[in-house]
């Protein structure tokens, strides 16, 4: 991925990412066990992954 950007920057929607299934990838955050956990979700299929790269 050229021009690495942090999970937090991706969460704000700075860059449009597309999954291998053709859906848009959005970053979501969940607060659990006293920590914020970020994960990527494909809007088309609903699949979740730790990083957006895993959905590409």
PDB file of N, CA and C in Angstrom:
ATOM      1  N   UNK A   1       0.857  -1.176   0.000  1.00  0.00           N
ATOM      2  CA  UNK A   1       0.000   0.000   0.000  1.00  0.00           C
ATOM      3  C   UNK A   1       0.902   1.238   0.000  1.00  0.00           C
ATOM      4  N   UNK A   2       0.941   1.994  -1.082  1.00  0.00           N
ATOM      5  CA  UNK A   2       1.784   3.187  -1.124  1.00  0.00           C
ATOM      6  C   UNK A   2       1.262   4.271  -0.193  1.00  0.00           C
ATOM      7  N   UNK A   3       2.184   4.980   0.434  1.00  0.00           N
ATOM      8  CA  UNK A   3       1.788   6.053   1.345  1.00  0.00           C
ATOM      9  C   UNK A   3       1.061   5.530   2.561  1.00  0.00           C
ATOM     10  N   UNK A   4       1.778   4.827   3.427  1.00  0.00           N
ATOM     11  CA  UNK A   4       1.170   4.224   4.612  1.00  0.00           C
ATOM     12  C   UNK A   4       0.465   5.283   5.454  1.00  0.00           C
ATOM     13  N   UNK A   5      -0.750   4.971   5.889  1.00  0.00           N
ATOM     14  CA  UNK A   5      -1.480   5.858   6.791  1.00  0.00           C
ATOM     15  C   UNK A   5      -1.934   5.051   7.994  1.00  0.00           C
ATOM     16  N   UNK A   6      -2.032   5.706   9.118  1.00  0.00           N
ATOM     17  CA  UNK A   6      -2.359   5.010  10.361  1.00  0.00           C
ATOM     18  C   UNK A   6      -3.803   4.538  10.389  1.00  0.00           C
ATOM     19  N   UNK A   7      -4.099   3.617  11.316  1.00  0.00           N
ATOM     20  CA  UNK A   7      -5.472   3.122  11.477  1.00  0.00           C
ATOM     21  C   UNK A   7      -6.404   4.269  11.832  1.00  0.00           C
ATOM     22  N   UNK A   8      -5.919   5.194  12.656  1.00  0.00           N
ATOM     23  CA  UNK A   8      -6.759   6.312  13.070  1.00  0.00           C
ATOM     24  C   UNK A   8      -7.077   7.231  11.891  1.00  0.00           C
ATOM     25  N   UNK A   9      -6.105   7.454  11.023  1.00  0.00           N
ATOM     26  CA  UNK A   9      -6.326   8.310   9.856  1.00  0.00           C
ATOM     27  C   UNK A   9      -7.310   7.649   8.897  1.00  0.00           C
ATOM     28  N   UNK A  10      -7.205   6.319   8.743  1.00  0.00           N
ATOM     29  CA  UNK A  10      -8.118   5.599   7.868  1.00  0.00           C
ATOM     30  C   UNK A  10      -9.523   5.620   8.414  1.00  0.00           C
ATOM     31  N   UNK A  11      -9.632   5.624   9.717  1.00  0.00           N
ATOM     32  CA  UNK A  11     -10.934   5.628  10.387  1.00  0.00           C
ATOM     33  C   UNK A  11     -11.735   6.868  10.005  1.00  0.00           C
ATOM     34  N   UNK A  12     -11.046   7.976   9.786  1.00  0.00           N
ATOM     35  CA  UNK A  12     -11.715   9.235   9.454  1.00  0.00           C
ATOM     36  C   UNK A  12     -12.143   9.280   7.987  1.00  0.00           C
ATOM     37  N   UNK A  13     -11.742   8.305   7.170  1.00  0.00           N
ATOM     38  CA  UNK A  13     -12.153   8.287   5.770  1.00  0.00           C
ATOM     39  C   UNK A  13     -11.318   9.183   4.885  1.00  0.00           C
ATOM     40  N   UNK A  14     -10.016   9.273   5.189  1.00  0.00           N
ATOM     41  CA  UNK A  14      -9.123  10.125   4.408  1.00  0.00           C
ATOM     42  C   UNK A  14      -8.927   9.592   2.993  1.00  0.00           C
ATOM     43  N   UNK A  15      -9.049   8.274   2.837  1.00  0.00           N
ATOM     44  CA  UNK A  15      -8.788   7.652   1.547  1.00  0.00           C
ATOM     45  C   UNK A  15      -9.867   6.618   1.253  1.00  0.00           C
ATOM     46  N   UNK A  16     -10.311   6.547   0.013  1.00  0.00           N
ATOM     47  CA  UNK A  16     -11.343   5.591  -0.393  1.00  0.00           C
ATOM     48  C   UNK A  16     -10.688   4.249  -0.694  1.00  0.00           C
ATOM     49  N   UNK A  17     -11.049   3.212   0.050  1.00  0.00           N
ATOM     50  CA  UNK A  17     -10.476   1.884  -0.150  1.00  0.00           C
ATOM     51  C   UNK A  17     -11.561   0.938  -0.659  1.00  0.00           C
ATOM     52  N   UNK A  18     -11.198   0.044  -1.587  1.00  0.00           N
ATOM     53  CA  UNK A  18     -12.153  -0.883  -2.189  1.00  0.00           C
ATOM     54  C   UNK A  18     -11.698  -2.313  -1.924  1.00  0.00           C
ATOM     55  N   UNK A  19     -12.627  -3.155  -1.502  1.00  0.00           N
ATOM     56  CA  UNK A  19     -12.297  -4.548  -1.205  1.00  0.00           C
ATOM     57  C   UNK A  19     -12.245  -5.383  -2.479  1.00  0.00           C
ATOM     58  N   UNK A  20     -11.789  -6.627  -2.342  1.00  0.00           N
ATOM     59  CA  UNK A  20     -11.709  -7.519  -3.509  1.00  0.00           C
ATOM     60  C   UNK A  20     -13.083  -7.912  -4.018  1.00  0.00           C
ATOM     61  N   UNK A  21     -14.125  -7.714  -3.214  1.00  0.00           N
ATOM     62  CA  UNK A  21     -15.498  -8.022  -3.636  1.00  0.00           C
ATOM     63  C   UNK A  21     -16.197  -6.810  -4.246  1.00  0.00           C
ATOM     64  N   UNK A  22     -15.487  -5.679  -4.312  1.00  0.00           N
ATOM     65  CA  UNK A  22     -16.043  -4.495  -4.947  1.00  0.00           C
ATOM     66  C   UNK A  22     -16.750  -3.541  -3.995  1.00  0.00           C
ATOM     67  N   UNK A  23     -16.787  -3.867  -2.707  1.00  0.00           N
ATOM     68  CA  UNK A  23     -17.418  -2.995  -1.728  1.00  0.00           C
ATOM     69  C   UNK A  23     -16.437  -1.999  -1.128  1.00  0.00           C
ATOM     70  N   UNK A  24     -16.956  -0.944  -0.555  1.00  0.00           N
ATOM     71  CA  UNK A  24     -16.114   0.055   0.095  1.00  0.00           C
ATOM     72  C   UNK A  24     -15.676  -0.448   1.465  1.00  0.00           C
ATOM     73  N   UNK A  25     -14.418  -0.212   1.826  1.00  0.00           N
ATOM     74  CA  UNK A  25     -13.902  -0.624   3.131  1.00  0.00           C
ATOM     75  C   UNK A  25     -13.988   0.559   4.084  1.00  0.00           C
ATOM     76  N   UNK A  26     -14.614   0.336   5.227  1.00  0.00           N
ATOM     77  CA  UNK A  26     -14.673   1.380   6.257  1.00  0.00           C
ATOM     78  C   UNK A  26     -14.033   0.853   7.524  1.00  0.00           C
ATOM     79  N   UNK A  27     -13.412   1.753   8.261  1.00  0.00           N
ATOM     80  CA  UNK A  27     -12.802   1.405   9.535  1.00  0.00           C
ATOM     81  C   UNK A  27     -13.809   1.692  10.643  1.00  0.00           C
ATOM     82  N   UNK A  28     -13.907   0.778  11.582  1.00  0.00           N
ATOM     83  CA  UNK A  28     -14.782   0.965  12.736  1.00  0.00           C
ATOM     84  C   UNK A  28     -13.963   0.775  13.994  1.00  0.00           C
ATOM     85  N   UNK A  29     -14.459   1.299  15.103  1.00  0.00           N
ATOM     86  CA  UNK A  29     -13.781   1.159  16.379  1.00  0.00           C
ATOM     87  C   UNK A  29     -14.760   0.662  17.431  1.00  0.00           C
ATOM     88  N   UNK A  30     -14.267  -0.202  18.301  1.00  0.00           N
ATOM     89  CA  UNK A  30     -15.069  -0.737  19.393  1.00  0.00           C
ATOM     90  C   UNK A  30     -14.265  -0.605  20.678  1.00  0.00           C
ATOM     91  N   UNK A  31     -14.918  -0.171  21.728  1.00  0.00           N
ATOM     92  CA  UNK A  31     -14.270  -0.071  23.030  1.00  0.00           C
ATOM     93  C   UNK A  31     -14.603  -1.330  23.817  1.00  0.00           C
ATOM     94  N   UNK A  32     -13.591  -2.174  24.044  1.00  0.00           N
ATOM     95  CA  UNK A  32     -13.824  -3.397  24.811  1.00  0.00           C
ATOM     96  C   UNK A  32     -12.597  -3.705  25.669  1.00  0.00           C
ATOM     97  N   UNK A  33     -12.848  -4.213  26.861  1.00  0.00           N
ATOM     98  CA  UNK A  33     -11.790  -4.545  27.829  1.00  0.00           C
ATOM     99  C   UNK A  33     -10.864  -3.364  28.108  1.00  0.00           C
ATOM    100  N   UNK A  34     -11.413  -2.171  28.128  1.00  0.00           N
ATOM    101  CA  UNK A  34     -10.626  -0.979  28.452  1.00  0.00           C
ATOM    102  C   UNK A  34      -9.733  -0.501  27.324  1.00  0.00           C
ATOM    103  N   UNK A  35      -9.902  -1.031  26.123  1.00  0.00           N
ATOM    104  CA  UNK A  35      -9.078  -0.632  24.982  1.00  0.00           C
ATOM    105  C   UNK A  35      -9.970  -0.334  23.786  1.00  0.00           C
ATOM    106  N   UNK A  36      -9.465   0.526  22.903  1.00  0.00           N
ATOM    107  CA  UNK A  36     -10.165   0.778  21.643  1.00  0.00           C
ATOM    108  C   UNK A  36      -9.587  -0.167  20.608  1.00  0.00           C
ATOM    109  N   UNK A  37     -10.453  -0.930  19.950  1.00  0.00           N
ATOM    110  CA  UNK A  37     -10.024  -1.880  18.921  1.00  0.00           C
ATOM    111  C   UNK A  37     -10.553  -1.403  17.583  1.00  0.00           C
ATOM    112  N   UNK A  38      -9.643  -1.263  16.619  1.00  0.00           N
ATOM    113  CA  UNK A  38     -10.020  -0.840  15.275  1.00  0.00           C
ATOM    114  C   UNK A  38     -10.124  -2.069  14.383  1.00  0.00           C
ATOM    115  N   UNK A  39     -11.075  -2.060  13.477  1.00  0.00           N
ATOM    116  CA  UNK A  39     -11.176  -3.143  12.506  1.00  0.00           C
ATOM    117  C   UNK A  39     -11.797  -2.614  11.223  1.00  0.00           C
ATOM    118  N   UNK A  40     -11.547  -3.343  10.143  1.00  0.00           N
ATOM    119  CA  UNK A  40     -12.044  -2.951   8.823  1.00  0.00           C
ATOM    120  C   UNK A  40     -13.266  -3.790   8.475  1.00  0.00           C
ATOM    121  N   UNK A  41     -14.231  -3.166   7.790  1.00  0.00           N
ATOM    122  CA  UNK A  41     -15.452  -3.866   7.377  1.00  0.00           C
ATOM    123  C   UNK A  41     -15.719  -3.561   5.909  1.00  0.00           C
ATOM    124  N   UNK A  42     -16.054  -4.617   5.154  1.00  0.00           N
ATOM    125  CA  UNK A  42     -16.479  -4.442   3.756  1.00  0.00           C
ATOM    126  C   UNK A  42     -17.975  -4.140   3.781  1.00  0.00           C
ATOM    127  N   UNK A  43     -18.371  -3.010   3.204  1.00  0.00           N
ATOM    128  CA  UNK A  43     -19.781  -2.613   3.216  1.00  0.00           C
ATOM    129  C   UNK A  43     -20.659  -3.549   2.385  1.00  0.00           C
ATOM    130  N   UNK A  44     -20.097  -4.148   1.334  1.00  0.00           N
ATOM    131  CA  UNK A  44     -20.883  -4.995   0.440  1.00  0.00           C
ATOM    132  C   UNK A  44     -21.164  -6.369   1.054  1.00  0.00           C
ATOM    133  N   UNK A  45     -20.124  -7.015   1.610  1.00  0.00           N
ATOM    134  CA  UNK A  45     -20.276  -8.383   2.116  1.00  0.00           C
ATOM    135  C   UNK A  45     -20.415  -8.456   3.634  1.00  0.00           C
ATOM    136  N   UNK A  46     -19.971  -7.417   4.343  1.00  0.00           N
ATOM    137  CA  UNK A  46     -20.047  -7.429   5.795  1.00  0.00           C
ATOM    138  C   UNK A  46     -18.886  -8.155   6.465  1.00  0.00           C
ATOM    139  N   UNK A  47     -17.889  -8.576   5.673  1.00  0.00           N
ATOM    140  CA  UNK A  47     -16.735  -9.274   6.230  1.00  0.00           C
ATOM    141  C   UNK A  47     -15.900  -8.308   7.057  1.00  0.00           C
ATOM    142  N   UNK A  48     -15.307  -8.831   8.142  1.00  0.00           N
ATOM    143  CA  UNK A  48     -14.465  -8.019   9.022  1.00  0.00           C
ATOM    144  C   UNK A  48     -13.041  -8.541   9.002  1.00  0.00           C
ATOM    145  N   UNK A  49     -12.084  -7.628   9.154  1.00  0.00           N
ATOM    146  CA  UNK A  49     -10.675  -7.989   9.244  1.00  0.00           C
ATOM    147  C   UNK A  49      -9.968  -6.975  10.119  1.00  0.00           C
ATOM    148  N   UNK A  50      -8.805  -7.360  10.600  1.00  0.00           N
ATOM    149  CA  UNK A  50      -8.055  -6.478  11.481  1.00  0.00           C
ATOM    150  C   UNK A  50      -7.528  -5.261  10.733  1.00  0.00           C
ATOM    151  N   UNK A  51      -7.083  -5.490   9.487  1.00  0.00           N
ATOM    152  CA  UNK A  51      -6.536  -4.406   8.657  1.00  0.00           C
ATOM    153  C   UNK A  51      -7.290  -4.346   7.331  1.00  0.00           C
ATOM    154  N   UNK A  52      -7.396  -3.182   6.723  1.00  0.00           N
ATOM    155  CA  UNK A  52      -8.047  -3.060   5.414  1.00  0.00           C
ATOM    156  C   UNK A  52      -7.319  -3.882   4.344  1.00  0.00           C
ATOM    157  N   UNK A  53      -6.006  -4.019   4.485  1.00  0.00           N
ATOM    158  CA  UNK A  53      -5.206  -4.769   3.535  1.00  0.00           C
ATOM    159  C   UNK A  53      -5.670  -6.222   3.421  1.00  0.00           C
ATOM    160  N   UNK A  54      -6.180  -6.776   4.524  1.00  0.00           N
ATOM    161  CA  UNK A  54      -6.653  -8.162   4.537  1.00  0.00           C
ATOM    162  C   UNK A  54      -7.921  -8.352   3.694  1.00  0.00           C
ATOM    163  N   UNK A  55      -8.632  -7.278   3.404  1.00  0.00           N
ATOM    164  CA  UNK A  55      -9.854  -7.351   2.602  1.00  0.00           C
ATOM    165  C   UNK A  55      -9.606  -7.031   1.136  1.00  0.00           C
ATOM    166  N   UNK A  56      -8.392  -6.602   0.810  1.00  0.00           N
ATOM    167  CA  UNK A  56      -8.083  -6.200  -0.572  1.00  0.00           C
ATOM    168  C   UNK A  56      -7.635  -7.398  -1.393  1.00  0.00           C
TER     169      UNK A  56
END
